[in-house]
Amino acid sequence: MSQHDLPCGRVIRRSLVTTGHDLEGVETAYDAPFPDARYKAGARRFPWCIPYAQPDEGNAADQQRCFEALREWRDPVNIMFSDHDPVFPPAVGQKWAKLIPGATFDVIEGPGHFMQEERGEEIAEKMLGYMSL
């Protein structure tokens, strides 16, 4: 396998939907933890943890067990999703929020799938707002 078998930085860079980013800096930062391909095993495996295509390998049974446990959760939870996420649209987050008693739900307007990169300050402000309630 070549060192560039999974271009982590490029994946993030290409997913950004809002303007004004230092795209080269973003790409460099996300590639930095991976000196070569040997260090990318977790990053390569992570997408398969979504159990749609491969339920066994994606650990679907354990994920279902976790969703069931969330129905009993009683501590505060806020779920945030982007309105422009092509992988997990807000409807998915709303469904998850409904599983957790008392959970709140926010839609962050503008970013794509990696909203923490595009709206980190807004997300932090919302989190701090909920923490001060």
C-alpha atoms as a PDB file:
ATOM      1  CA  MET A   1       0.000   0.000   0.000  1.00  0.00           C
ATOM      2  CA  SER A   2       1.310   3.451  -0.809  1.00  0.00           C
ATOM      3  CA  GLN A   3       1.739   6.165   1.780  1.00  0.00           C
ATOM      4  CA  HIS A   4      -1.070   8.066   0.094  1.00  0.00           C
ATOM      5  CA  ASP A   5      -3.641   5.254   0.024  1.00  0.00           C
ATOM      6  CA  LEU A   6      -6.080   7.324   2.078  1.00  0.00           C
ATOM      7  CA  PRO A   7      -5.683  11.058   1.610  1.00  0.00           C
ATOM      8  CA  CYS A   8      -7.249  12.067   4.944  1.00  0.00           C
ATOM      9  CA  GLY A   9      -6.505  15.754   4.516  1.00  0.00           C
ATOM     10  CA  ARG A  10      -7.871  15.839   0.989  1.00  0.00           C
ATOM     11  CA  VAL A  11     -11.070  14.087   2.122  1.00  0.00           C
ATOM     12  CA  ILE A  12     -11.678  16.826   4.702  1.00  0.00           C
ATOM     13  CA  ARG A  13     -10.618  19.618   2.337  1.00  0.00           C
ATOM     14  CA  ARG A  14     -12.987  18.462  -0.406  1.00  0.00           C
ATOM     15  CA  SER A  15     -15.892  18.144   2.008  1.00  0.00           C
ATOM     16  CA  LEU A  16     -15.816  21.778   3.117  1.00  0.00           C
ATOM     17  CA  VAL A  17     -18.763  23.644   1.641  1.00  0.00           C
ATOM     18  CA  THR A  18     -18.295  27.121   3.082  1.00  0.00           C
ATOM     19  CA  THR A  19     -15.654  29.566   1.885  1.00  0.00           C
ATOM     20  CA  GLY A  20     -12.798  31.252   3.681  1.00  0.00           C
ATOM     21  CA  HIS A  21     -10.741  28.262   4.763  1.00  0.00           C
ATOM     22  CA  ASP A  22      -6.992  27.888   4.502  1.00  0.00           C
ATOM     23  CA  LEU A  23      -7.472  24.754   2.419  1.00  0.00           C
ATOM     24  CA  GLU A  24      -3.802  23.823   2.272  1.00  0.00           C
ATOM     25  CA  GLY A  25      -3.541  24.302   6.036  1.00  0.00           C
ATOM     26  CA  VAL A  26      -6.616  22.133   6.644  1.00  0.00           C
ATOM     27  CA  GLU A  27      -5.231  19.380   4.442  1.00  0.00           C
ATOM     28  CA  THR A  28      -1.809  19.528   6.072  1.00  0.00           C
ATOM     29  CA  ALA A  29      -3.304  19.470   9.572  1.00  0.00           C
ATOM     30  CA  TYR A  30      -5.460  16.415   8.907  1.00  0.00           C
ATOM     31  CA  ASP A  31      -2.565  14.561   7.275  1.00  0.00           C
ATOM     32  CA  ALA A  32      -0.126  15.416  10.095  1.00  0.00           C
ATOM     33  CA  PRO A  33      -0.987  12.517  12.452  1.00  0.00           C
ATOM     34  CA  PHE A  34      -0.189   9.964   9.746  1.00  0.00           C
ATOM     35  CA  PRO A  35       3.518   9.793   8.881  1.00  0.00           C
ATOM     36  CA  ASP A  36       2.823   6.859   6.548  1.00  0.00           C
ATOM     37  CA  ALA A  37       0.120   4.350   5.601  1.00  0.00           C
ATOM     38  CA  ARG A  38       0.799   2.104   8.608  1.00  0.00           C
ATOM     39  CA  TYR A  39      -0.731   4.781  10.837  1.00  0.00           C
ATOM     40  CA  LYS A  40      -3.968   4.967   8.842  1.00  0.00           C
ATOM     41  CA  ALA A  41      -5.486   1.621   9.833  1.00  0.00           C
ATOM     42  CA  GLY A  42      -8.082   3.286  12.073  1.00  0.00           C
ATOM     43  CA  ALA A  43      -8.931   5.939   9.507  1.00  0.00           C
ATOM     44  CA  ARG A  44      -9.355   3.269   6.808  1.00  0.00           C
ATOM     45  CA  ARG A  45     -11.551   1.160   9.080  1.00  0.00           C
ATOM     46  CA  PHE A  46     -13.738   3.949  10.456  1.00  0.00           C
ATOM     47  CA  PRO A  47     -16.203   4.205   7.514  1.00  0.00           C
ATOM     48  CA  TRP A  48     -16.979   0.509   7.881  1.00  0.00           C
ATOM     49  CA  CYS A  49     -18.231   1.179  11.421  1.00  0.00           C
ATOM     50  CA  ILE A  50     -21.426   2.409   9.800  1.00  0.00           C
ATOM     51  CA  PRO A  51     -23.259  -0.918   9.688  1.00  0.00           C
ATOM     52  CA  TYR A  52     -25.297  -0.516   6.516  1.00  0.00           C
ATOM     53  CA  ALA A  53     -23.217  -2.380   3.954  1.00  0.00           C
ATOM     54  CA  GLN A  54     -21.584  -4.828   6.371  1.00  0.00           C
ATOM     55  CA  PRO A  55     -23.717  -5.286   9.493  1.00  0.00           C
ATOM     56  CA  ASP A  56     -21.370  -7.785  11.147  1.00  0.00           C
ATOM     57  CA  GLU A  57     -18.173  -5.867  10.423  1.00  0.00           C
ATOM     58  CA  GLY A  58     -19.945  -2.601  11.249  1.00  0.00           C
ATOM     59  CA  ASN A  59     -20.914  -3.996  14.639  1.00  0.00           C
ATOM     60  CA  ALA A  60     -24.627  -3.419  14.054  1.00  0.00           C
ATOM     61  CA  ALA A  61     -25.719  -5.537  17.036  1.00  0.00           C
ATOM     62  CA  ASP A  62     -23.622  -3.540  19.507  1.00  0.00           C
ATOM     63  CA  GLN A  63     -24.744  -0.282  17.954  1.00  0.00           C
ATOM     64  CA  GLN A  64     -28.371  -1.325  18.353  1.00  0.00           C
ATOM     65  CA  ARG A  65     -27.675  -2.240  21.973  1.00  0.00           C
ATOM     66  CA  CYS A  66     -26.245   1.267  22.494  1.00  0.00           C
ATOM     67  CA  PHE A  67     -29.289   2.905  20.900  1.00  0.00           C
ATOM     68  CA  GLU A  68     -31.520   0.888  23.221  1.00  0.00           C
ATOM     69  CA  ALA A  69     -29.470   2.017  26.233  1.00  0.00           C
ATOM     70  CA  LEU A  70     -29.904   5.645  25.171  1.00  0.00           C
ATOM     71  CA  ARG A  71     -33.652   5.253  25.726  1.00  0.00           C
ATOM     72  CA  GLU A  72     -32.824   4.992  29.438  1.00  0.00           C
ATOM     73  CA  TRP A  73     -30.365   7.914  29.523  1.00  0.00           C
ATOM     74  CA  ARG A  74     -31.427  10.692  31.885  1.00  0.00           C
ATOM     75  CA  ASP A  75     -28.542  13.166  31.701  1.00  0.00           C
ATOM     76  CA  PRO A  76     -28.618  16.200  29.389  1.00  0.00           C
ATOM     77  CA  VAL A  77     -27.895  15.554  25.728  1.00  0.00           C
ATOM     78  CA  ASN A  78     -27.767  17.939  22.802  1.00  0.00           C
ATOM     79  CA  ILE A  79     -27.364  16.629  19.282  1.00  0.00           C
ATOM     80  CA  MET A  80     -26.172  18.879  16.458  1.00  0.00           C
ATOM     81  CA  PHE A  81     -26.296  18.140  12.738  1.00  0.00           C
ATOM     82  CA  SER A  82     -25.458  20.194   9.690  1.00  0.00           C
ATOM     83  CA  ASP A  83     -28.118  21.192   7.215  1.00  0.00           C
ATOM     84  CA  HIS A  84     -25.738  20.404   4.321  1.00  0.00           C
ATOM     85  CA  ASP A  85     -24.335  17.031   5.420  1.00  0.00           C
ATOM     86  CA  PRO A  86     -24.629  14.669   2.435  1.00  0.00           C
ATOM     87  CA  VAL A  87     -23.922  11.625   4.629  1.00  0.00           C
ATOM     88  CA  PHE A  88     -26.169  12.226   7.654  1.00  0.00           C
ATOM     89  CA  PRO A  89     -28.923  14.790   7.036  1.00  0.00           C
ATOM     90  CA  PRO A  90     -30.719  16.468   9.956  1.00  0.00           C
ATOM     91  CA  ALA A  91     -33.548  13.916   9.810  1.00  0.00           C
ATOM     92  CA  VAL A  92     -31.085  11.276  11.053  1.00  0.00           C
ATOM     93  CA  GLY A  93     -30.103  13.456  13.997  1.00  0.00           C
ATOM     94  CA  GLN A  94     -33.719  14.204  14.814  1.00  0.00           C
ATOM     95  CA  LYS A  95     -34.434  10.476  14.850  1.00  0.00           C
ATOM     96  CA  TRP A  96     -31.516   9.896  17.225  1.00  0.00           C
ATOM     97  CA  ALA A  97     -32.587  12.788  19.462  1.00  0.00           C
ATOM     98  CA  LYS A  98     -36.057  11.267  19.788  1.00  0.00           C
ATOM     99  CA  LEU A  99     -34.478   8.100  21.221  1.00  0.00           C
ATOM    100  CA  ILE A 100     -33.040   9.989  24.186  1.00  0.00           C
ATOM    101  CA  PRO A 101     -35.482  11.345  26.766  1.00  0.00           C
ATOM    102  CA  GLY A 102     -35.196  15.123  27.004  1.00  0.00           C
ATOM    103  CA  ALA A 103     -32.560  15.453  24.282  1.00  0.00           C
ATOM    104  CA  THR A 104     -32.372  18.751  22.465  1.00  0.00           C
ATOM    105  CA  PHE A 105     -31.531  19.092  18.790  1.00  0.00           C
ATOM    106  CA  ASP A 106     -29.882  21.871  16.784  1.00  0.00           C
ATOM    107  CA  VAL A 107     -29.282  22.262  13.088  1.00  0.00           C
ATOM    108  CA  ILE A 108     -26.096  24.130  12.237  1.00  0.00           C
ATOM    109  CA  GLU A 109     -26.662  26.055   9.028  1.00  0.00           C
ATOM    110  CA  GLY A 110     -24.072  26.043   6.286  1.00  0.00           C
ATOM    111  CA  PRO A 111     -21.365  23.432   6.856  1.00  0.00           C
ATOM    112  CA  GLY A 112     -20.989  20.010   5.291  1.00  0.00           C
ATOM    113  CA  HIS A 113     -20.212  16.665   6.906  1.00  0.00           C
ATOM    114  CA  PHE A 114     -17.267  17.908   9.012  1.00  0.00           C
ATOM    115  CA  MET A 115     -19.120  20.763  10.638  1.00  0.00           C
ATOM    116  CA  GLN A 116     -16.623  21.032  13.480  1.00  0.00           C
ATOM    117  CA  GLU A 117     -14.108  22.284  10.923  1.00  0.00           C
ATOM    118  CA  GLU A 118     -16.463  24.832   9.423  1.00  0.00           C
ATOM    119  CA  ARG A 119     -18.461  25.985  12.459  1.00  0.00           C
ATOM    120  CA  GLY A 120     -16.318  25.072  15.458  1.00  0.00           C
ATOM    121  CA  GLU A 121     -16.880  28.342  17.297  1.00  0.00           C
ATOM    122  CA  GLU A 122     -20.646  28.230  16.800  1.00  0.00           C
ATOM    123  CA  ILE A 123     -20.770  24.627  18.019  1.00  0.00           C
ATOM    124  CA  ALA A 124     -18.696  25.511  21.091  1.00  0.00           C
ATOM    125  CA  GLU A 125     -20.957  28.483  21.883  1.00  0.00           C
ATOM    126  CA  LYS A 126     -24.062  26.304  21.650  1.00  0.00           C
ATOM    127  CA  MET A 127     -22.459  23.659  23.868  1.00  0.00           C
ATOM    128  CA  LEU A 128     -21.460  26.245  26.458  1.00  0.00           C
ATOM    129  CA  GLY A 129     -24.973  27.696  26.343  1.00  0.00           C
ATOM    130  CA  TYR A 130     -26.487  24.338  27.181  1.00  0.00           C
ATOM    131  CA  MET A 131     -23.922  23.741  29.908  1.00  0.00           C
ATOM    132  CA  SER A 132     -24.845  26.989  31.663  1.00  0.00           C
ATOM    133  CA  LEU A 133     -28.557  26.128  31.864  1.00  0.00           C
END
